[in-house]
Amino acid sequence: MVDLGANYNVDVLTSQHGFENGTRNSFDLSVTLNTPYVQPYVKYTKGQYRVRPGRPIEDSSNVEFGFYLDF
């Protein structure tokens, strides 16, 4: 069986700031293969993120490969 996942992330500055637009967003897509003991997955992330308020905004995309272990 295969699980598909999607997430939409919103980062909003709630304090007083001097930025024109304090909102950033990104999305994640993931696919997980459900096997009895090991579940490999692939996750793709695209969008903007903030390291710290006041720091430059990064816009990137990346792919993550990994696995979950079930005992």
PDB file of N, CA and C in Angstrom:
ATOM      1  N   MET A   1       0.831  -1.172   0.000  1.00  0.00           N
ATOM      2  CA  MET A   1       0.000   0.000   0.000  1.00  0.00           C
ATOM      3  C   MET A   1       0.884   1.247   0.000  1.00  0.00           C
ATOM      4  N   VAL A   2       0.413   2.298  -0.634  1.00  0.00           N
ATOM      5  CA  VAL A   2       1.154   3.550  -0.741  1.00  0.00           C
ATOM      6  C   VAL A   2       0.340   4.668  -0.102  1.00  0.00           C
ATOM      7  N   ASP A   3       1.001   5.477   0.734  1.00  0.00           N
ATOM      8  CA  ASP A   3       0.367   6.657   1.325  1.00  0.00           C
ATOM      9  C   ASP A   3       0.882   7.895   0.618  1.00  0.00           C
ATOM     10  N   LEU A   4      -0.030   8.794   0.280  1.00  0.00           N
ATOM     11  CA  LEU A   4       0.313  10.076  -0.323  1.00  0.00           C
ATOM     12  C   LEU A   4      -0.031  11.171   0.672  1.00  0.00           C
ATOM     13  N   GLY A   5       0.815  12.185   0.758  1.00  0.00           N
ATOM     14  CA  GLY A   5       0.566  13.277   1.696  1.00  0.00           C
ATOM     15  C   GLY A   5       0.862  14.619   1.071  1.00  0.00           C
ATOM     16  N   ALA A   6       0.155  15.639   1.539  1.00  0.00           N
ATOM     17  CA  ALA A   6       0.380  17.012   1.087  1.00  0.00           C
ATOM     18  C   ALA A   6       0.174  17.948   2.269  1.00  0.00           C
ATOM     19  N   ASN A   7       1.053  18.929   2.410  1.00  0.00           N
ATOM     20  CA  ASN A   7       0.960  19.934   3.470  1.00  0.00           C
ATOM     21  C   ASN A   7       1.164  21.311   2.872  1.00  0.00           C
ATOM     22  N   TYR A   8       0.426  22.275   3.377  1.00  0.00           N
ATOM     23  CA  TYR A   8       0.620  23.679   3.013  1.00  0.00           C
ATOM     24  C   TYR A   8       0.970  24.418   4.298  1.00  0.00           C
ATOM     25  N   ASN A   9       2.101  25.110   4.304  1.00  0.00           N
ATOM     26  CA  ASN A   9       2.609  25.764   5.511  1.00  0.00           C
ATOM     27  C   ASN A   9       2.573  27.280   5.343  1.00  0.00           C
ATOM     28  N   VAL A  10       2.133  27.981   6.380  1.00  0.00           N
ATOM     29  CA  VAL A  10       2.081  29.444   6.373  1.00  0.00           C
ATOM     30  C   VAL A  10       2.860  29.948   7.579  1.00  0.00           C
ATOM     31  N   ASP A  11       3.767  30.894   7.336  1.00  0.00           N
ATOM     32  CA  ASP A  11       4.576  31.517   8.384  1.00  0.00           C
ATOM     33  C   ASP A  11       4.205  32.997   8.417  1.00  0.00           C
ATOM     34  N   VAL A  12       3.621  33.448   9.529  1.00  0.00           N
ATOM     35  CA  VAL A  12       3.169  34.839   9.646  1.00  0.00           C
ATOM     36  C   VAL A  12       3.860  35.482  10.841  1.00  0.00           C
ATOM     37  N   LEU A  13       4.438  36.669  10.637  1.00  0.00           N
ATOM     38  CA  LEU A  13       4.987  37.433  11.754  1.00  0.00           C
ATOM     39  C   LEU A  13       3.832  38.112  12.481  1.00  0.00           C
ATOM     40  N   THR A  14       3.701  37.868  13.769  1.00  0.00           N
ATOM     41  CA  THR A  14       2.585  38.445  14.528  1.00  0.00           C
ATOM     42  C   THR A  14       2.993  39.666  15.337  1.00  0.00           C
ATOM     43  N   SER A  15       4.289  39.923  15.470  1.00  0.00           N
ATOM     44  CA  SER A  15       4.747  41.084  16.228  1.00  0.00           C
ATOM     45  C   SER A  15       4.924  42.278  15.296  1.00  0.00           C
ATOM     46  N   GLN A  16       5.182  43.428  15.880  1.00  0.00           N
ATOM     47  CA  GLN A  16       5.442  44.630  15.086  1.00  0.00           C
ATOM     48  C   GLN A  16       6.740  44.438  14.305  1.00  0.00           C
ATOM     49  N   HIS A  17       6.694  44.776  13.037  1.00  0.00           N
ATOM     50  CA  HIS A  17       7.880  44.630  12.199  1.00  0.00           C
ATOM     51  C   HIS A  17       7.820  45.660  11.082  1.00  0.00           C
ATOM     52  N   GLY A  18       8.955  45.908  10.466  1.00  0.00           N
ATOM     53  CA  GLY A  18       9.036  46.881   9.391  1.00  0.00           C
ATOM     54  C   GLY A  18       9.007  46.267   8.010  1.00  0.00           C
ATOM     55  N   PHE A  19       8.552  45.034   7.896  1.00  0.00           N
ATOM     56  CA  PHE A  19       8.536  44.356   6.610  1.00  0.00           C
ATOM     57  C   PHE A  19       7.246  44.661   5.876  1.00  0.00           C
ATOM     58  N   GLU A  20       7.340  44.781   4.554  1.00  0.00           N
ATOM     59  CA  GLU A  20       6.151  45.052   3.743  1.00  0.00           C
ATOM     60  C   GLU A  20       5.170  43.888   3.807  1.00  0.00           C
ATOM     61  N   ASN A  21       5.692  42.672   3.725  1.00  0.00           N
ATOM     62  CA  ASN A  21       4.833  41.489   3.770  1.00  0.00           C
ATOM     63  C   ASN A  21       5.458  40.485   4.730  1.00  0.00           C
ATOM     64  N   GLY A  22       4.819  40.233   5.858  1.00  0.00           N
ATOM     65  CA  GLY A  22       5.365  39.330   6.862  1.00  0.00           C
ATOM     66  C   GLY A  22       4.925  37.891   6.698  1.00  0.00           C
ATOM     67  N   THR A  23       4.293  37.546   5.584  1.00  0.00           N
ATOM     68  CA  THR A  23       3.766  36.195   5.390  1.00  0.00           C
ATOM     69  C   THR A  23       4.607  35.426   4.373  1.00  0.00           C
ATOM     70  N   ARG A  24       4.951  34.198   4.709  1.00  0.00           N
ATOM     71  CA  ARG A  24       5.677  33.301   3.807  1.00  0.00           C
ATOM     72  C   ARG A  24       4.932  31.978   3.762  1.00  0.00           C
ATOM     73  N   ASN A  25       5.028  31.267   2.641  1.00  0.00           N
ATOM     74  CA  ASN A  25       4.346  29.978   2.548  1.00  0.00           C
ATOM     75  C   ASN A  25       5.184  28.969   1.776  1.00  0.00           C
ATOM     76  N   SER A  26       4.879  27.701   2.013  1.00  0.00           N
ATOM     77  CA  SER A  26       5.556  26.604   1.326  1.00  0.00           C
ATOM     78  C   SER A  26       4.630  25.393   1.326  1.00  0.00           C
ATOM     79  N   PHE A  27       5.003  24.387   0.543  1.00  0.00           N
ATOM     80  CA  PHE A  27       4.214  23.155   0.526  1.00  0.00           C
ATOM     81  C   PHE A  27       5.134  21.942   0.486  1.00  0.00           C
ATOM     82  N   ASP A  28       4.617  20.827   0.981  1.00  0.00           N
ATOM     83  CA  ASP A  28       5.320  19.545   0.988  1.00  0.00           C
ATOM     84  C   ASP A  28       4.443  18.502   0.316  1.00  0.00           C
ATOM     85  N   LEU A  29       5.070  17.636  -0.467  1.00  0.00           N
ATOM     86  CA  LEU A  29       4.403  16.466  -1.037  1.00  0.00           C
ATOM     87  C   LEU A  29       5.210  15.240  -0.626  1.00  0.00           C
ATOM     88  N   SER A  30       4.535  14.178  -0.195  1.00  0.00           N
ATOM     89  CA  SER A  30       5.271  12.991   0.233  1.00  0.00           C
ATOM     90  C   SER A  30       4.591  11.716  -0.251  1.00  0.00           C
ATOM     91  N   VAL A  31       5.421  10.697  -0.450  1.00  0.00           N
ATOM     92  CA  VAL A  31       4.961   9.362  -0.834  1.00  0.00           C
ATOM     93  C   VAL A  31       5.672   8.372   0.082  1.00  0.00           C
ATOM     94  N   THR A  32       4.890   7.505   0.729  1.00  0.00           N
ATOM     95  CA  THR A  32       5.441   6.497   1.639  1.00  0.00           C
ATOM     96  C   THR A  32       4.953   5.118   1.216  1.00  0.00           C
ATOM     97  N   LEU A  33       5.874   4.171   1.116  1.00  0.00           N
ATOM     98  CA  LEU A  33       5.535   2.786   0.789  1.00  0.00           C
ATOM     99  C   LEU A  33       5.389   2.014   2.099  1.00  0.00           C
ATOM    100  N   ASN A  34       4.203   1.481   2.352  1.00  0.00           N
ATOM    101  CA  ASN A  34       3.934   0.757   3.605  1.00  0.00           C
ATOM    102  C   ASN A  34       4.267  -0.722   3.449  1.00  0.00           C
ATOM    103  N   THR A  35       5.394  -1.108   4.018  1.00  0.00           N
ATOM    104  CA  THR A  35       5.793  -2.509   4.077  1.00  0.00           C
ATOM    105  C   THR A  35       5.815  -2.914   5.553  1.00  0.00           C
ATOM    106  N   PRO A  36       5.910  -4.200   5.879  1.00  0.00           N
ATOM    107  CA  PRO A  36       5.764  -4.623   7.276  1.00  0.00           C
ATOM    108  C   PRO A  36       6.735  -3.984   8.284  1.00  0.00           C
ATOM    109  N   TYR A  37       8.028  -3.869   7.987  1.00  0.00           N
ATOM    110  CA  TYR A  37       8.981  -3.396   8.991  1.00  0.00           C
ATOM    111  C   TYR A  37       9.721  -2.123   8.599  1.00  0.00           C
ATOM    112  N   VAL A  38       9.877  -1.877   7.324  1.00  0.00           N
ATOM    113  CA  VAL A  38      10.583  -0.687   6.847  1.00  0.00           C
ATOM    114  C   VAL A  38       9.658   0.061   5.896  1.00  0.00           C
ATOM    115  N   GLN A  39       9.514   1.375   6.119  1.00  0.00           N
ATOM    116  CA  GLN A  39       8.650   2.193   5.266  1.00  0.00           C
ATOM    117  C   GLN A  39       9.481   3.304   4.624  1.00  0.00           C
ATOM    118  N   PRO A  40       9.949   3.098   3.393  1.00  0.00           N
ATOM    119  CA  PRO A  40      10.702   4.147   2.716  1.00  0.00           C
ATOM    120  C   PRO A  40       9.772   5.274   2.266  1.00  0.00           C
ATOM    121  N   TYR A  41      10.321   6.497   2.230  1.00  0.00           N
ATOM    122  CA  TYR A  41       9.522   7.644   1.798  1.00  0.00           C
ATOM    123  C   TYR A  41      10.358   8.620   0.981  1.00  0.00           C
ATOM    124  N   VAL A  42       9.659   9.435   0.212  1.00  0.00           N
ATOM    125  CA  VAL A  42      10.242  10.544  -0.544  1.00  0.00           C
ATOM    126  C   VAL A  42       9.393  11.763  -0.225  1.00  0.00           C
ATOM    127  N   LYS A  43      10.055  12.878   0.096  1.00  0.00           N
ATOM    128  CA  LYS A  43       9.341  14.111   0.428  1.00  0.00           C
ATOM    129  C   LYS A  43       9.937  15.260  -0.381  1.00  0.00           C
ATOM    130  N   TYR A  44       9.083  16.021  -1.050  1.00  0.00           N
ATOM    131  CA  TYR A  44       9.494  17.181  -1.840  1.00  0.00           C
ATOM    132  C   TYR A  44       8.952  18.435  -1.161  1.00  0.00           C
ATOM    133  N   THR A  45       9.812  19.428  -0.937  1.00  0.00           N
ATOM    134  CA  THR A  45       9.421  20.691  -0.307  1.00  0.00           C
ATOM    135  C   THR A  45       9.783  21.838  -1.239  1.00  0.00           C
ATOM    136  N   LYS A  46       8.854  22.780  -1.410  1.00  0.00           N
ATOM    137  CA  LYS A  46       9.075  23.949  -2.266  1.00  0.00           C
ATOM    138  C   LYS A  46       8.466  25.165  -1.593  1.00  0.00           C
ATOM    139  N   GLY A  47       9.185  26.266  -1.582  1.00  0.00           N
ATOM    140  CA  GLY A  47       8.614  27.503  -1.061  1.00  0.00           C
ATOM    141  C   GLY A  47       9.604  28.349  -0.294  1.00  0.00           C
ATOM    142  N   GLN A  48       9.063  29.364   0.346  1.00  0.00           N
ATOM    143  CA  GLN A  48       9.865  30.315   1.099  1.00  0.00           C
ATOM    144  C   GLN A  48       9.869  29.931   2.570  1.00  0.00           C
ATOM    145  N   TYR A  49      10.958  30.228   3.237  1.00  0.00           N
ATOM    146  CA  TYR A  49      10.998  30.031   4.680  1.00  0.00           C
ATOM    147  C   TYR A  49      11.881  31.102   5.303  1.00  0.00           C
ATOM    148  N   ARG A  50      11.663  31.342   6.547  1.00  0.00           N
ATOM    149  CA  ARG A  50      12.386  32.371   7.281  1.00  0.00           C
ATOM    150  C   ARG A  50      13.261  31.673   8.318  1.00  0.00           C
ATOM    151  N   VAL A  51      14.544  31.971   8.305  1.00  0.00           N
ATOM    152  CA  VAL A  51      15.441  31.396   9.297  1.00  0.00           C
ATOM    153  C   VAL A  51      15.185  32.062  10.648  1.00  0.00           C
ATOM    154  N   ARG A  52      15.187  33.387  10.666  1.00  0.00           N
ATOM    155  CA  ARG A  52      14.861  34.184  11.849  1.00  0.00           C
ATOM    156  C   ARG A  52      14.210  35.476  11.386  1.00  0.00           C
ATOM    157  N   PRO A  53      13.322  36.052  12.183  1.00  0.00           N
ATOM    158  CA  PRO A  53      12.763  37.360  11.807  1.00  0.00           C
ATOM    159  C   PRO A  53      13.891  38.367  11.612  1.00  0.00           C
ATOM    160  N   GLY A  54      13.806  39.146  10.568  1.00  0.00           N
ATOM    161  CA  GLY A  54      14.828  40.134  10.265  1.00  0.00           C
ATOM    162  C   GLY A  54      15.928  39.617   9.360  1.00  0.00           C
ATOM    163  N   ARG A  55      15.984  38.328   9.143  1.00  0.00           N
ATOM    164  CA  ARG A  55      16.991  37.742   8.266  1.00  0.00           C
ATOM    165  C   ARG A  55      16.424  37.609   6.862  1.00  0.00           C
ATOM    166  N   PRO A  56      17.274  37.431   5.857  1.00  0.00           N
ATOM    167  CA  PRO A  56      16.770  37.277   4.483  1.00  0.00           C
ATOM    168  C   PRO A  56      15.850  36.067   4.344  1.00  0.00           C
ATOM    169  N   ILE A  57      14.887  36.193   3.459  1.00  0.00           N
ATOM    170  CA  ILE A  57      13.952  35.108   3.171  1.00  0.00           C
ATOM    171  C   ILE A  57      14.595  34.180   2.152  1.00  0.00           C
ATOM    172  N   GLU A  58      14.541  32.909   2.407  1.00  0.00           N
ATOM    173  CA  GLU A  58      15.086  31.910   1.491  1.00  0.00           C
ATOM    174  C   GLU A  58      13.955  31.293   0.684  1.00  0.00           C
ATOM    175  N   ASP A  59      14.178  31.085  -0.599  1.00  0.00           N
ATOM    176  CA  ASP A  59      13.216  30.384  -1.453  1.00  0.00           C
ATOM    177  C   ASP A  59      13.952  29.182  -2.034  1.00  0.00           C
ATOM    178  N   SER A  60      13.465  28.013  -1.719  1.00  0.00           N
ATOM    179  CA  SER A  60      14.203  26.832  -2.149  1.00  0.00           C
ATOM    180  C   SER A  60      13.269  25.669  -2.412  1.00  0.00           C
ATOM    181  N   SER A  61      13.841  24.637  -2.973  1.00  0.00           N
ATOM    182  CA  SER A  61      13.136  23.371  -3.130  1.00  0.00           C
ATOM    183  C   SER A  61      14.141  22.267  -2.818  1.00  0.00           C
ATOM    184  N   ASN A  62      13.670  21.211  -2.198  1.00  0.00           N
ATOM    185  CA  ASN A  62      14.562  20.097  -1.908  1.00  0.00           C
ATOM    186  C   ASN A  62      13.782  18.796  -1.888  1.00  0.00           C
ATOM    187  N   VAL A  63      14.520  17.717  -2.031  1.00  0.00           N
ATOM    188  CA  VAL A  63      13.954  16.372  -2.005  1.00  0.00           C
ATOM    189  C   VAL A  63      14.633  15.617  -0.868  1.00  0.00           C
ATOM    190  N   GLU A  64      13.830  14.943  -0.068  1.00  0.00           N
ATOM    191  CA  GLU A  64      14.332  14.172   1.068  1.00  0.00           C
ATOM    192  C   GLU A  64      13.957  12.704   0.872  1.00  0.00           C
ATOM    193  N   PHE A  65      14.930  11.826   1.043  1.00  0.00           N
ATOM    194  CA  PHE A  65      14.701  10.385   0.996  1.00  0.00           C
ATOM    195  C   PHE A  65      14.971   9.833   2.394  1.00  0.00           C
ATOM    196  N   GLY A  66      14.155   8.905   2.846  1.00  0.00           N
ATOM    197  CA  GLY A  66      14.380   8.327   4.168  1.00  0.00           C
ATOM    198  C   GLY A  66      13.537   7.091   4.379  1.00  0.00           C
ATOM    199  N   PHE A  67      13.535   6.613   5.616  1.00  0.00           N
ATOM    200  CA  PHE A  67      12.716   5.446   5.938  1.00  0.00           C
ATOM    201  C   PHE A  67      12.342   5.480   7.412  1.00  0.00           C
ATOM    202  N   TYR A  68      11.223   4.854   7.712  1.00  0.00           N
ATOM    203  CA  TYR A  68      10.749   4.652   9.076  1.00  0.00           C
ATOM    204  C   TYR A  68      10.899   3.169   9.398  1.00  0.00           C
ATOM    205  N   LEU A  69      11.259   2.875  10.643  1.00  0.00           N
ATOM    206  CA  LEU A  69      11.367   1.489  11.091  1.00  0.00           C
ATOM    207  C   LEU A  69      10.229   1.186  12.052  1.00  0.00           C
ATOM    208  N   ASP A  70       9.552   0.059  11.856  1.00  0.00           N
ATOM    209  CA  ASP A  70       8.503  -0.406  12.765  1.00  0.00           C
ATOM    210  C   ASP A  70       9.018  -1.625  13.514  1.00  0.00           C
ATOM    211  N   PHE A  71       8.876  -1.614  14.822  1.00  0.00           N
ATOM    212  CA  PHE A  71       9.334  -2.739  15.647  1.00  0.00           C
ATOM    213  C   PHE A  71       8.157  -3.508  16.161  1.00  0.00           C
TER     214      PHE A  71
END
